[in-house]
């Protein structure tokens, strides 16, 4: 159901487009606060997978072969030879950010060994500002990569599908802690932190469910 929702539903496409529409309005508002002389130092940091590009075709292929895609043993081949789709709204947003003079940093946990393939994929999809320095792949943690960006830039917006894309506080946190942190950082969500929907994988996949305890047919 998660794969059907993520890949096929109009609702997921609407949410993705809505997320980027909010991001566009907010970025315009944020950038307008800075004089033109300072805008070259502004930056946006974004995740790639299920944030800017859609990898659901790989997940569906694995599921149909009764293979657990969350083992990630097929991901390397996908990075090298796969053909992800654009997430609705992503291309327009990043081109708009680029037109404002904002630096874009693509920060992903894709393999750095396959960086040439990821660069080629992003260029094929016509993302702006795709180069070795602004595509930062797995090696240091995202918190470290974020800190490195902030040494020379003012980070004005982050986009991702996982809470760990936004703050190192979420990395490795259990669900109860993550829920507390969401409340702590509530002012960021929908402002300078834009979360994209991903119903196919994440830190929540093994969480227990809560069921209504009334037996089926109890009133019959």
N, C-alpha and C. Protein backbone atom coordinates (compact mmCIF):
# COMPACT_ATOMS: atom_id res chain seq x y z
N UNK A 1 0.82 -1.20 0.00
CA UNK A 1 0.00 0.00 0.00
C UNK A 1 0.86 1.26 0.00
N UNK A 2 1.96 1.19 0.74
CA UNK A 2 2.85 2.34 0.77
C UNK A 2 3.45 2.64 -0.59
N UNK A 3 3.83 1.60 -1.32
CA UNK A 3 4.39 1.79 -2.66
C UNK A 3 3.33 2.31 -3.63
N UNK A 4 2.12 1.78 -3.54
CA UNK A 4 1.04 2.28 -4.40
C UNK A 4 0.80 3.76 -4.13
N UNK A 5 0.75 4.10 -2.86
CA UNK A 5 0.52 5.50 -2.49
C UNK A 5 1.63 6.39 -3.01
N UNK A 6 2.88 5.99 -2.76
CA UNK A 6 4.02 6.83 -3.13
C UNK A 6 4.15 7.00 -4.64
N UNK A 7 3.94 5.92 -5.38
CA UNK A 7 4.20 5.96 -6.82
C UNK A 7 2.99 6.37 -7.65
N UNK A 8 1.80 5.94 -7.24
CA UNK A 8 0.65 6.07 -8.11
C UNK A 8 -0.41 7.08 -7.66
N UNK A 9 -0.46 7.40 -6.40
CA UNK A 9 -1.58 8.21 -5.94
C UNK A 9 -1.45 9.68 -6.35
N UNK A 10 -2.58 10.24 -6.74
CA UNK A 10 -2.63 11.67 -7.01
C UNK A 10 -2.43 12.47 -5.73
N UNK A 11 -2.81 11.86 -4.60
CA UNK A 11 -2.64 12.54 -3.32
C UNK A 11 -1.16 12.77 -2.99
N UNK A 12 -0.32 11.76 -3.24
CA UNK A 12 1.12 11.94 -2.99
C UNK A 12 1.69 13.01 -3.91
N UNK A 13 1.28 12.98 -5.18
CA UNK A 13 1.75 14.01 -6.12
C UNK A 13 1.31 15.39 -5.68
N UNK A 14 0.07 15.50 -5.17
CA UNK A 14 -0.42 16.78 -4.69
C UNK A 14 0.38 17.27 -3.49
N UNK A 15 0.68 16.35 -2.56
CA UNK A 15 1.48 16.72 -1.39
C UNK A 15 2.88 17.16 -1.78
N UNK A 16 3.48 16.45 -2.71
CA UNK A 16 4.83 16.81 -3.15
C UNK A 16 4.83 18.20 -3.81
N UNK A 17 3.88 18.42 -4.71
CA UNK A 17 3.79 19.74 -5.33
C UNK A 17 3.48 20.82 -4.31
N UNK A 18 2.62 20.51 -3.36
CA UNK A 18 2.29 21.45 -2.30
C UNK A 18 3.52 21.81 -1.48
N UNK A 19 4.34 20.81 -1.16
CA UNK A 19 5.55 21.05 -0.38
C UNK A 19 6.48 22.03 -1.10
N UNK A 20 6.64 21.82 -2.40
CA UNK A 20 7.53 22.72 -3.15
C UNK A 20 6.92 24.09 -3.38
N UNK A 21 5.58 24.17 -3.45
CA UNK A 21 4.93 25.48 -3.54
C UNK A 21 5.17 26.28 -2.26
N UNK A 22 5.03 25.61 -1.11
CA UNK A 22 5.31 26.26 0.17
C UNK A 22 6.77 26.68 0.24
N UNK A 23 7.66 25.79 -0.20
CA UNK A 23 9.09 26.10 -0.18
C UNK A 23 9.40 27.32 -1.03
N UNK A 24 8.77 27.42 -2.19
CA UNK A 24 9.01 28.56 -3.09
C UNK A 24 8.58 29.86 -2.44
N UNK A 25 7.37 29.89 -1.89
CA UNK A 25 6.88 31.11 -1.24
C UNK A 25 7.77 31.50 -0.07
N UNK A 26 8.13 30.52 0.73
CA UNK A 26 8.96 30.82 1.90
C UNK A 26 10.35 31.29 1.51
N UNK A 27 10.92 30.67 0.48
CA UNK A 27 12.26 31.09 0.05
C UNK A 27 12.23 32.52 -0.46
N UNK A 28 11.22 32.88 -1.22
CA UNK A 28 11.11 34.27 -1.68
C UNK A 28 11.05 35.23 -0.50
N UNK A 29 10.26 34.87 0.50
CA UNK A 29 10.13 35.72 1.69
C UNK A 29 11.45 35.84 2.44
N UNK A 30 12.14 34.71 2.59
CA UNK A 30 13.41 34.72 3.33
C UNK A 30 14.47 35.51 2.58
N UNK A 31 14.60 35.26 1.29
CA UNK A 31 15.64 35.93 0.49
C UNK A 31 15.42 37.43 0.47
N UNK A 32 14.16 37.86 0.44
CA UNK A 32 13.85 39.29 0.38
C UNK A 32 14.35 40.05 1.60
N UNK A 33 14.62 39.34 2.69
CA UNK A 33 15.11 39.99 3.91
C UNK A 33 16.58 40.38 3.81
N UNK A 34 17.28 39.81 2.83
CA UNK A 34 18.72 40.05 2.70
C UNK A 34 19.00 41.05 1.58
N UNK A 35 19.93 41.98 1.80
CA UNK A 35 20.33 42.86 0.70
C UNK A 35 21.00 42.04 -0.41
N UNK A 36 20.92 42.52 -1.63
CA UNK A 36 21.45 41.78 -2.77
C UNK A 36 22.93 41.43 -2.60
N UNK A 37 23.66 42.27 -1.90
CA UNK A 37 25.10 42.03 -1.72
C UNK A 37 25.38 40.80 -0.87
N UNK A 38 24.38 40.35 -0.09
CA UNK A 38 24.58 39.19 0.79
C UNK A 38 23.96 37.91 0.24
N UNK A 39 23.21 37.98 -0.83
CA UNK A 39 22.45 36.82 -1.28
C UNK A 39 23.33 35.72 -1.85
N UNK A 40 24.53 36.06 -2.29
CA UNK A 40 25.42 35.03 -2.82
C UNK A 40 25.87 34.06 -1.73
N UNK A 41 25.67 34.43 -0.47
CA UNK A 41 26.09 33.58 0.64
C UNK A 41 24.95 32.71 1.17
N UNK A 42 23.75 32.87 0.60
CA UNK A 42 22.61 32.08 1.05
C UNK A 42 22.64 30.70 0.42
N UNK A 43 22.14 29.70 1.15
CA UNK A 43 22.17 28.33 0.64
C UNK A 43 20.92 27.55 1.04
N UNK A 44 20.56 26.60 0.18
CA UNK A 44 19.52 25.61 0.44
C UNK A 44 20.20 24.25 0.47
N UNK A 45 19.82 23.43 1.42
CA UNK A 45 20.34 22.06 1.53
C UNK A 45 19.18 21.10 1.31
N UNK A 46 19.35 20.15 0.40
CA UNK A 46 18.28 19.21 0.12
C UNK A 46 18.79 17.78 0.05
N UNK A 47 17.97 16.88 0.55
CA UNK A 47 18.15 15.45 0.32
C UNK A 47 17.81 15.16 -1.14
N UNK A 48 18.13 13.97 -1.60
CA UNK A 48 17.78 13.58 -2.97
C UNK A 48 16.65 12.56 -3.01
N UNK A 49 16.89 11.38 -2.47
CA UNK A 49 15.98 10.25 -2.67
C UNK A 49 14.65 10.44 -1.94
N UNK A 50 13.57 10.38 -2.70
CA UNK A 50 12.20 10.60 -2.23
C UNK A 50 11.96 12.03 -1.77
N UNK A 51 12.92 12.90 -2.01
CA UNK A 51 12.76 14.34 -1.78
C UNK A 51 12.78 15.08 -3.11
N UNK A 52 13.80 14.86 -3.89
CA UNK A 52 13.91 15.49 -5.21
C UNK A 52 13.72 14.49 -6.34
N UNK A 53 14.08 13.22 -6.08
CA UNK A 53 13.93 12.17 -7.10
C UNK A 53 13.20 10.97 -6.51
N UNK A 54 12.45 10.28 -7.38
CA UNK A 54 11.57 9.17 -7.01
C UNK A 54 12.21 7.86 -7.44
N UNK A 55 12.54 7.00 -6.46
CA UNK A 55 13.18 5.71 -6.73
C UNK A 55 12.22 4.54 -6.60
N UNK A 56 10.94 4.80 -6.63
CA UNK A 56 9.97 3.74 -6.33
C UNK A 56 10.01 2.59 -7.32
N UNK A 57 10.47 2.82 -8.55
CA UNK A 57 10.54 1.72 -9.52
C UNK A 57 11.45 0.61 -9.02
N UNK A 58 12.55 0.96 -8.38
CA UNK A 58 13.44 -0.06 -7.80
C UNK A 58 12.72 -0.82 -6.70
N UNK A 59 12.04 -0.12 -5.83
CA UNK A 59 11.37 -0.76 -4.70
C UNK A 59 10.27 -1.70 -5.18
N UNK A 60 9.54 -1.28 -6.20
CA UNK A 60 8.48 -2.12 -6.76
C UNK A 60 9.08 -3.37 -7.41
N UNK A 61 10.16 -3.19 -8.16
CA UNK A 61 10.81 -4.35 -8.79
C UNK A 61 11.21 -5.38 -7.74
N UNK A 62 11.83 -4.90 -6.65
CA UNK A 62 12.27 -5.80 -5.59
C UNK A 62 11.08 -6.47 -4.90
N UNK A 63 10.03 -5.70 -4.61
CA UNK A 63 8.86 -6.27 -3.96
C UNK A 63 8.22 -7.35 -4.82
N UNK A 64 8.10 -7.09 -6.12
CA UNK A 64 7.48 -8.07 -7.01
C UNK A 64 8.30 -9.34 -7.11
N UNK A 65 9.62 -9.24 -6.84
CA UNK A 65 10.49 -10.42 -6.82
C UNK A 65 10.57 -11.03 -5.42
N UNK A 66 9.69 -10.57 -4.51
CA UNK A 66 9.69 -11.04 -3.11
C UNK A 66 11.04 -10.81 -2.43
N UNK A 67 11.67 -9.69 -2.77
CA UNK A 67 12.97 -9.33 -2.20
C UNK A 67 12.77 -8.13 -1.27
N UNK A 68 13.33 -8.20 -0.08
CA UNK A 68 13.21 -7.12 0.89
C UNK A 68 14.11 -5.96 0.48
N UNK A 69 13.50 -4.92 -0.08
CA UNK A 69 14.32 -3.81 -0.57
C UNK A 69 14.98 -3.03 0.56
N UNK A 70 14.48 -3.17 1.81
CA UNK A 70 15.10 -2.44 2.91
C UNK A 70 16.43 -3.06 3.36
N UNK A 71 16.84 -4.15 2.72
CA UNK A 71 18.20 -4.66 2.93
C UNK A 71 19.21 -3.80 2.17
N UNK A 72 18.72 -3.03 1.20
CA UNK A 72 19.51 -2.09 0.39
C UNK A 72 20.64 -2.75 -0.39
N UNK A 73 20.56 -4.06 -0.60
CA UNK A 73 21.60 -4.75 -1.36
C UNK A 73 21.42 -4.59 -2.87
N UNK A 74 20.31 -3.99 -3.30
CA UNK A 74 20.10 -3.74 -4.73
C UNK A 74 20.30 -2.27 -5.07
N UNK A 75 20.56 -1.46 -4.06
CA UNK A 75 20.62 -0.01 -4.26
C UNK A 75 21.84 0.40 -5.09
N UNK A 76 22.97 -0.27 -4.89
CA UNK A 76 24.18 0.09 -5.64
C UNK A 76 23.95 -0.01 -7.14
N UNK A 77 23.30 -1.07 -7.58
CA UNK A 77 23.01 -1.25 -9.00
C UNK A 77 22.08 -0.15 -9.51
N UNK A 78 21.11 0.24 -8.66
CA UNK A 78 20.19 1.32 -9.03
C UNK A 78 20.93 2.65 -9.17
N UNK A 79 21.84 2.94 -8.25
CA UNK A 79 22.62 4.18 -8.36
C UNK A 79 23.38 4.24 -9.69
N UNK A 80 23.90 3.09 -10.11
CA UNK A 80 24.71 3.05 -11.33
C UNK A 80 23.86 3.03 -12.60
N UNK A 81 22.74 2.33 -12.58
CA UNK A 81 21.99 2.07 -13.81
C UNK A 81 20.52 2.47 -13.76
N UNK A 82 20.04 2.90 -12.61
CA UNK A 82 18.61 3.20 -12.47
C UNK A 82 18.21 4.50 -13.13
N UNK A 83 16.88 4.66 -13.26
CA UNK A 83 16.34 5.86 -13.89
C UNK A 83 15.24 6.47 -13.03
N UNK A 84 15.62 7.14 -11.92
CA UNK A 84 14.62 7.77 -11.05
C UNK A 84 13.86 8.87 -11.78
N UNK A 85 12.64 9.13 -11.29
CA UNK A 85 11.83 10.20 -11.84
C UNK A 85 11.96 11.44 -10.96
N UNK A 86 11.60 12.58 -11.54
CA UNK A 86 11.53 13.81 -10.76
C UNK A 86 10.34 13.76 -9.80
N UNK A 87 10.54 14.26 -8.60
CA UNK A 87 9.42 14.50 -7.70
C UNK A 87 8.69 15.75 -8.19
N UNK A 88 7.36 15.72 -8.26
CA UNK A 88 6.61 16.88 -8.73
C UNK A 88 6.98 18.16 -7.98
N UNK A 89 7.28 19.20 -8.71
CA UNK A 89 7.61 20.50 -8.13
C UNK A 89 9.08 20.72 -7.88
N UNK A 90 9.88 19.64 -7.87
CA UNK A 90 11.29 19.77 -7.49
C UNK A 90 12.08 20.61 -8.49
N UNK A 91 11.96 20.28 -9.76
CA UNK A 91 12.76 20.98 -10.77
C UNK A 91 12.47 22.47 -10.76
N UNK A 92 11.19 22.84 -10.75
CA UNK A 92 10.83 24.26 -10.77
C UNK A 92 11.38 24.98 -9.55
N UNK A 93 11.30 24.33 -8.37
CA UNK A 93 11.79 24.98 -7.16
C UNK A 93 13.29 25.23 -7.21
N UNK A 94 14.06 24.21 -7.57
CA UNK A 94 15.51 24.38 -7.55
C UNK A 94 15.99 25.35 -8.63
N UNK A 95 15.33 25.38 -9.77
CA UNK A 95 15.67 26.38 -10.77
C UNK A 95 15.31 27.78 -10.29
N UNK A 96 14.21 27.90 -9.56
CA UNK A 96 13.85 29.20 -9.01
C UNK A 96 14.88 29.64 -7.97
N UNK A 97 15.28 28.73 -7.09
CA UNK A 97 16.30 29.07 -6.10
C UNK A 97 17.58 29.52 -6.77
N UNK A 98 17.96 28.82 -7.83
CA UNK A 98 19.17 29.18 -8.56
C UNK A 98 19.03 30.56 -9.18
N UNK A 99 17.85 30.88 -9.70
CA UNK A 99 17.63 32.19 -10.33
C UNK A 99 17.74 33.33 -9.32
N UNK A 100 17.48 33.02 -8.03
CA UNK A 100 17.61 34.02 -6.97
C UNK A 100 19.06 34.20 -6.53
N UNK A 101 19.95 33.36 -7.06
CA UNK A 101 21.35 33.43 -6.67
C UNK A 101 21.69 32.61 -5.45
N UNK A 102 20.75 31.76 -5.01
CA UNK A 102 20.97 30.92 -3.83
C UNK A 102 21.75 29.67 -4.21
N UNK A 103 22.74 29.32 -3.40
CA UNK A 103 23.51 28.10 -3.64
C UNK A 103 22.66 26.89 -3.23
N UNK A 104 22.76 25.82 -4.01
CA UNK A 104 22.03 24.59 -3.72
C UNK A 104 23.03 23.49 -3.42
N UNK A 105 22.86 22.85 -2.27
CA UNK A 105 23.71 21.72 -1.89
C UNK A 105 22.83 20.48 -1.83
N UNK A 106 23.16 19.49 -2.65
CA UNK A 106 22.46 18.22 -2.70
C UNK A 106 23.19 17.26 -1.75
N UNK A 107 22.58 16.98 -0.61
CA UNK A 107 23.25 16.22 0.45
C UNK A 107 22.50 14.89 0.62
N UNK A 108 23.14 13.82 0.19
CA UNK A 108 22.49 12.51 0.13
C UNK A 108 23.40 11.43 0.70
N UNK A 109 22.78 10.36 1.20
CA UNK A 109 23.56 9.22 1.67
C UNK A 109 23.75 8.18 0.57
N UNK A 110 23.62 8.59 -0.68
CA UNK A 110 24.06 7.74 -1.77
C UNK A 110 25.58 7.54 -1.67
N UNK A 111 26.07 6.45 -2.26
CA UNK A 111 27.47 6.10 -2.14
C UNK A 111 28.36 7.11 -2.85
N UNK A 112 29.40 7.54 -2.16
CA UNK A 112 30.36 8.45 -2.79
C UNK A 112 31.14 7.74 -3.89
N UNK A 113 31.25 6.41 -3.80
CA UNK A 113 31.94 5.65 -4.86
C UNK A 113 31.20 5.76 -6.19
N UNK A 114 29.89 5.99 -6.11
CA UNK A 114 29.08 6.11 -7.33
C UNK A 114 28.75 7.57 -7.65
N UNK A 115 29.58 8.48 -7.18
CA UNK A 115 29.27 9.89 -7.34
C UNK A 115 29.14 10.30 -8.80
N UNK A 116 29.98 9.77 -9.65
CA UNK A 116 29.91 10.13 -11.07
C UNK A 116 28.55 9.74 -11.65
N UNK A 117 28.03 8.58 -11.24
CA UNK A 117 26.73 8.14 -11.73
C UNK A 117 25.62 9.03 -11.19
N UNK A 118 25.70 9.42 -9.92
CA UNK A 118 24.68 10.29 -9.35
C UNK A 118 24.73 11.67 -10.00
N UNK A 119 25.91 12.19 -10.24
CA UNK A 119 26.03 13.47 -10.96
C UNK A 119 25.39 13.37 -12.34
N UNK A 120 25.66 12.26 -13.02
CA UNK A 120 25.08 12.07 -14.36
C UNK A 120 23.56 12.00 -14.30
N UNK A 121 23.03 11.32 -13.28
CA UNK A 121 21.58 11.23 -13.11
C UNK A 121 20.97 12.60 -12.89
N UNK A 122 21.57 13.39 -12.00
CA UNK A 122 21.04 14.73 -11.71
C UNK A 122 21.13 15.64 -12.93
N UNK A 123 22.20 15.51 -13.68
CA UNK A 123 22.32 16.33 -14.90
C UNK A 123 21.31 15.90 -15.96
N UNK A 124 21.07 14.60 -16.05
CA UNK A 124 20.08 14.10 -17.01
C UNK A 124 18.69 14.65 -16.68
N UNK A 125 18.41 14.79 -15.38
CA UNK A 125 17.14 15.33 -14.94
C UNK A 125 17.14 16.86 -14.92
N UNK A 126 18.25 17.44 -15.30
CA UNK A 126 18.39 18.90 -15.49
C UNK A 126 18.26 19.70 -14.19
N UNK A 127 18.79 19.15 -13.11
CA UNK A 127 18.88 19.94 -11.89
C UNK A 127 19.96 21.00 -12.05
N UNK A 128 19.78 22.17 -11.46
CA UNK A 128 20.80 23.22 -11.56
C UNK A 128 21.93 23.02 -10.55
N UNK A 129 23.05 23.66 -10.81
CA UNK A 129 24.19 23.70 -9.89
C UNK A 129 24.70 22.31 -9.50
N UNK A 130 24.70 21.40 -10.43
CA UNK A 130 25.19 20.05 -10.15
C UNK A 130 26.68 19.99 -10.44
N UNK A 131 27.48 19.85 -9.40
CA UNK A 131 28.92 19.76 -9.56
C UNK A 131 29.50 19.02 -8.37
N UNK A 132 30.77 18.70 -8.44
CA UNK A 132 31.44 17.90 -7.40
C UNK A 132 31.33 18.56 -6.03
N UNK A 133 31.43 19.87 -5.98
CA UNK A 133 31.49 20.56 -4.69
C UNK A 133 30.12 20.69 -4.03
N UNK A 134 29.06 20.69 -4.84
CA UNK A 134 27.73 20.93 -4.28
C UNK A 134 26.86 19.67 -4.18
N UNK A 135 27.40 18.54 -4.60
CA UNK A 135 26.74 17.25 -4.39
C UNK A 135 27.57 16.49 -3.36
N UNK A 136 27.04 16.36 -2.15
CA UNK A 136 27.80 15.83 -1.02
C UNK A 136 27.18 14.50 -0.61
N UNK A 137 27.92 13.42 -0.87
CA UNK A 137 27.38 12.07 -0.67
C UNK A 137 27.96 11.42 0.59
N UNK A 138 27.58 10.15 0.82
CA UNK A 138 27.87 9.47 2.08
C UNK A 138 29.37 9.43 2.36
N UNK A 139 29.69 9.73 3.59
CA UNK A 139 31.04 9.80 4.13
C UNK A 139 30.84 10.35 5.52
N UNK A 140 31.09 11.66 5.70
CA UNK A 140 30.72 12.28 6.97
C UNK A 140 29.20 12.26 7.16
N UNK A 141 28.75 12.35 8.39
CA UNK A 141 27.31 12.40 8.66
C UNK A 141 26.70 13.65 8.03
N UNK A 142 25.38 13.64 7.88
CA UNK A 142 24.73 14.83 7.34
C UNK A 142 24.92 16.03 8.27
N UNK A 143 25.01 15.80 9.56
CA UNK A 143 25.26 16.90 10.50
C UNK A 143 26.61 17.55 10.21
N UNK A 144 27.61 16.72 9.93
CA UNK A 144 28.95 17.26 9.61
C UNK A 144 28.92 17.98 8.27
N UNK A 145 28.26 17.39 7.28
CA UNK A 145 28.17 18.04 5.97
C UNK A 145 27.40 19.36 6.08
N UNK A 146 26.36 19.39 6.90
CA UNK A 146 25.61 20.63 7.12
C UNK A 146 26.52 21.70 7.75
N UNK A 147 27.27 21.29 8.75
CA UNK A 147 28.17 22.23 9.42
C UNK A 147 29.22 22.77 8.46
N UNK A 148 29.70 21.93 7.55
CA UNK A 148 30.68 22.40 6.56
C UNK A 148 30.07 23.43 5.63
N UNK A 149 28.81 23.22 5.24
CA UNK A 149 28.12 24.20 4.40
C UNK A 149 27.99 25.53 5.15
N UNK A 150 27.63 25.43 6.42
CA UNK A 150 27.38 26.64 7.20
C UNK A 150 28.65 27.41 7.54
N UNK A 151 29.80 26.84 7.31
CA UNK A 151 31.04 27.58 7.53
C UNK A 151 31.17 28.75 6.56
N UNK A 152 30.61 28.60 5.37
CA UNK A 152 30.77 29.62 4.34
C UNK A 152 29.44 30.17 3.82
N UNK A 153 28.33 29.64 4.28
CA UNK A 153 27.02 30.06 3.78
C UNK A 153 26.02 30.20 4.92
N UNK A 154 25.01 30.99 4.68
CA UNK A 154 23.87 31.07 5.58
C UNK A 154 22.81 30.11 5.06
N UNK A 155 22.54 29.06 5.81
CA UNK A 155 21.61 28.03 5.38
C UNK A 155 20.19 28.51 5.68
N UNK A 156 19.41 28.79 4.64
CA UNK A 156 18.09 29.40 4.84
C UNK A 156 16.95 28.41 4.68
N UNK A 157 17.22 27.22 4.12
CA UNK A 157 16.15 26.23 3.96
C UNK A 157 16.73 24.85 3.81
N UNK A 158 16.00 23.86 4.37
CA UNK A 158 16.37 22.45 4.20
C UNK A 158 15.13 21.68 3.75
N UNK A 159 15.36 20.68 2.89
CA UNK A 159 14.28 19.83 2.40
C UNK A 159 14.69 18.37 2.55
N UNK A 160 13.72 17.51 2.94
CA UNK A 160 14.03 16.10 3.09
C UNK A 160 12.77 15.30 3.34
N UNK A 161 12.92 13.97 3.30
CA UNK A 161 11.79 13.08 3.60
C UNK A 161 11.99 12.37 4.92
N UNK A 162 13.14 12.53 5.54
CA UNK A 162 13.45 11.92 6.83
C UNK A 162 13.85 13.03 7.80
N UNK A 163 13.45 12.90 9.05
CA UNK A 163 13.76 13.96 10.02
C UNK A 163 15.25 14.12 10.23
N UNK A 164 16.02 13.05 10.04
CA UNK A 164 17.47 13.15 10.16
C UNK A 164 18.08 14.02 9.06
N UNK A 165 17.31 14.33 8.01
CA UNK A 165 17.79 15.25 6.97
C UNK A 165 17.90 16.68 7.50
N UNK A 166 17.25 16.97 8.63
CA UNK A 166 17.15 18.35 9.11
C UNK A 166 18.03 18.66 10.32
N UNK A 167 18.22 17.67 11.17
CA UNK A 167 19.02 17.88 12.37
C UNK A 167 19.63 16.57 12.82
N UNK A 168 20.86 16.64 13.28
CA UNK A 168 21.53 15.46 13.80
C UNK A 168 20.87 14.92 15.06
N UNK A 169 20.02 15.73 15.70
CA UNK A 169 19.32 15.26 16.89
C UNK A 169 18.41 14.07 16.58
N UNK A 170 17.92 13.98 15.34
CA UNK A 170 17.02 12.90 14.96
C UNK A 170 17.76 11.62 14.59
N UNK A 171 19.05 11.71 14.32
CA UNK A 171 19.80 10.54 13.88
C UNK A 171 19.85 9.48 14.97
N UNK A 172 19.30 8.31 14.68
CA UNK A 172 19.33 7.22 15.64
C UNK A 172 18.33 7.35 16.78
N UNK A 173 17.52 8.40 16.77
CA UNK A 173 16.55 8.60 17.85
C UNK A 173 15.41 7.59 17.73
N UNK A 174 14.93 7.10 18.89
CA UNK A 174 13.78 6.21 18.85
C UNK A 174 12.53 7.04 18.55
N UNK A 175 11.41 6.35 18.32
CA UNK A 175 10.21 7.06 17.89
C UNK A 175 9.70 8.04 18.95
N UNK A 176 9.74 7.65 20.21
CA UNK A 176 9.27 8.55 21.26
C UNK A 176 10.10 9.83 21.29
N UNK A 177 11.42 9.68 21.17
CA UNK A 177 12.29 10.84 21.14
C UNK A 177 12.04 11.69 19.90
N UNK A 178 11.84 11.03 18.76
CA UNK A 178 11.57 11.77 17.53
C UNK A 178 10.30 12.60 17.65
N UNK A 179 9.26 12.02 18.25
CA UNK A 179 8.02 12.77 18.44
C UNK A 179 8.25 13.99 19.36
N UNK A 180 9.06 13.83 20.39
CA UNK A 180 9.36 14.96 21.27
C UNK A 180 10.15 16.03 20.52
N UNK A 181 11.07 15.60 19.68
CA UNK A 181 11.87 16.56 18.93
C UNK A 181 11.04 17.30 17.89
N UNK A 182 10.05 16.62 17.31
CA UNK A 182 9.15 17.30 16.36
C UNK A 182 8.46 18.48 17.06
N UNK A 183 8.03 18.28 18.30
CA UNK A 183 7.42 19.37 19.06
C UNK A 183 8.44 20.47 19.35
N UNK A 184 9.66 20.06 19.69
CA UNK A 184 10.70 21.04 19.99
C UNK A 184 11.00 21.93 18.79
N UNK A 185 11.03 21.33 17.61
CA UNK A 185 11.40 22.07 16.39
C UNK A 185 10.19 22.51 15.57
N UNK A 186 9.01 22.54 16.18
CA UNK A 186 7.76 22.78 15.45
C UNK A 186 7.80 24.05 14.61
N UNK A 187 8.48 25.08 15.08
CA UNK A 187 8.47 26.37 14.36
C UNK A 187 9.18 26.27 13.01
N UNK A 188 10.03 25.26 12.82
CA UNK A 188 10.76 25.12 11.56
C UNK A 188 9.92 24.48 10.46
N UNK A 189 9.05 23.55 10.84
CA UNK A 189 8.32 22.77 9.84
C UNK A 189 7.32 23.66 9.09
N UNK A 190 7.40 23.60 7.77
CA UNK A 190 6.55 24.45 6.94
C UNK A 190 7.10 25.85 6.77
N UNK A 191 8.24 26.13 7.37
CA UNK A 191 8.89 27.43 7.23
C UNK A 191 10.23 27.26 6.52
N UNK A 192 11.29 26.96 7.28
CA UNK A 192 12.59 26.72 6.65
C UNK A 192 12.94 25.24 6.58
N UNK A 193 12.10 24.36 7.15
CA UNK A 193 12.24 22.92 6.99
C UNK A 193 11.00 22.40 6.25
N UNK A 194 11.21 21.80 5.10
CA UNK A 194 10.11 21.31 4.28
C UNK A 194 10.23 19.78 4.19
N UNK A 195 9.21 19.08 4.72
CA UNK A 195 9.22 17.61 4.75
C UNK A 195 8.38 17.06 3.61
N UNK A 196 8.96 16.17 2.81
CA UNK A 196 8.26 15.50 1.72
C UNK A 196 7.74 14.15 2.20
N UNK A 197 6.58 13.69 1.71
CA UNK A 197 6.03 12.41 2.14
C UNK A 197 6.80 11.22 1.58
N UNK A 198 7.01 10.21 2.42
CA UNK A 198 7.62 8.96 1.97
C UNK A 198 7.00 7.82 2.77
N UNK A 199 6.10 7.08 2.13
CA UNK A 199 5.39 5.99 2.80
C UNK A 199 6.02 4.63 2.54
N UNK A 200 7.26 4.60 2.01
CA UNK A 200 7.84 3.34 1.58
C UNK A 200 8.98 2.84 2.47
N UNK A 201 9.70 3.72 3.12
CA UNK A 201 10.76 3.30 4.04
C UNK A 201 11.09 4.45 4.98
N UNK A 202 11.69 4.10 6.10
CA UNK A 202 12.07 5.09 7.09
C UNK A 202 12.27 4.45 8.45
N UNK A 203 12.60 5.27 9.44
CA UNK A 203 12.90 4.75 10.78
C UNK A 203 11.67 4.19 11.48
N UNK A 204 10.48 4.43 10.92
CA UNK A 204 9.22 4.02 11.53
C UNK A 204 8.76 2.63 11.10
N UNK A 205 9.46 1.98 10.19
CA UNK A 205 8.91 0.79 9.53
C UNK A 205 8.69 -0.40 10.46
N UNK A 206 9.38 -0.46 11.58
CA UNK A 206 9.19 -1.58 12.51
C UNK A 206 8.39 -1.18 13.74
N UNK A 207 7.78 0.01 13.70
CA UNK A 207 7.03 0.49 14.87
C UNK A 207 5.76 -0.34 15.07
N UNK A 208 5.41 -0.64 16.33
CA UNK A 208 4.16 -1.37 16.59
C UNK A 208 2.97 -0.47 16.30
N UNK A 209 1.86 -1.10 15.93
CA UNK A 209 0.63 -0.37 15.64
C UNK A 209 -0.32 -0.43 16.84
N UNK A 210 -1.19 0.55 16.92
CA UNK A 210 -2.20 0.59 17.98
C UNK A 210 -3.55 0.24 17.38
N UNK A 211 -4.19 -0.77 17.92
CA UNK A 211 -5.47 -1.24 17.38
C UNK A 211 -6.62 -0.94 18.34
N UNK A 212 -7.80 -0.72 17.79
CA UNK A 212 -9.03 -0.64 18.59
C UNK A 212 -9.28 -2.01 19.21
N UNK A 213 -9.55 -2.05 20.50
CA UNK A 213 -9.65 -3.32 21.21
C UNK A 213 -11.04 -3.96 21.16
N UNK A 214 -12.03 -3.25 20.67
CA UNK A 214 -13.37 -3.84 20.59
C UNK A 214 -13.37 -4.92 19.51
N UNK A 215 -13.81 -6.13 19.82
CA UNK A 215 -13.81 -7.22 18.83
C UNK A 215 -14.72 -6.90 17.65
N UNK A 216 -14.33 -7.38 16.47
CA UNK A 216 -15.18 -7.25 15.29
C UNK A 216 -16.49 -8.00 15.54
N UNK A 217 -17.58 -7.36 15.21
CA UNK A 217 -18.88 -8.01 15.35
C UNK A 217 -19.41 -8.00 16.78
N UNK A 218 -18.81 -7.24 17.68
CA UNK A 218 -19.22 -7.26 19.08
C UNK A 218 -20.68 -6.85 19.27
N UNK A 219 -21.18 -5.99 18.40
CA UNK A 219 -22.56 -5.50 18.57
C UNK A 219 -23.56 -6.28 17.74
N UNK A 220 -23.11 -7.31 17.04
CA UNK A 220 -24.03 -8.08 16.19
C UNK A 220 -24.82 -9.10 17.03
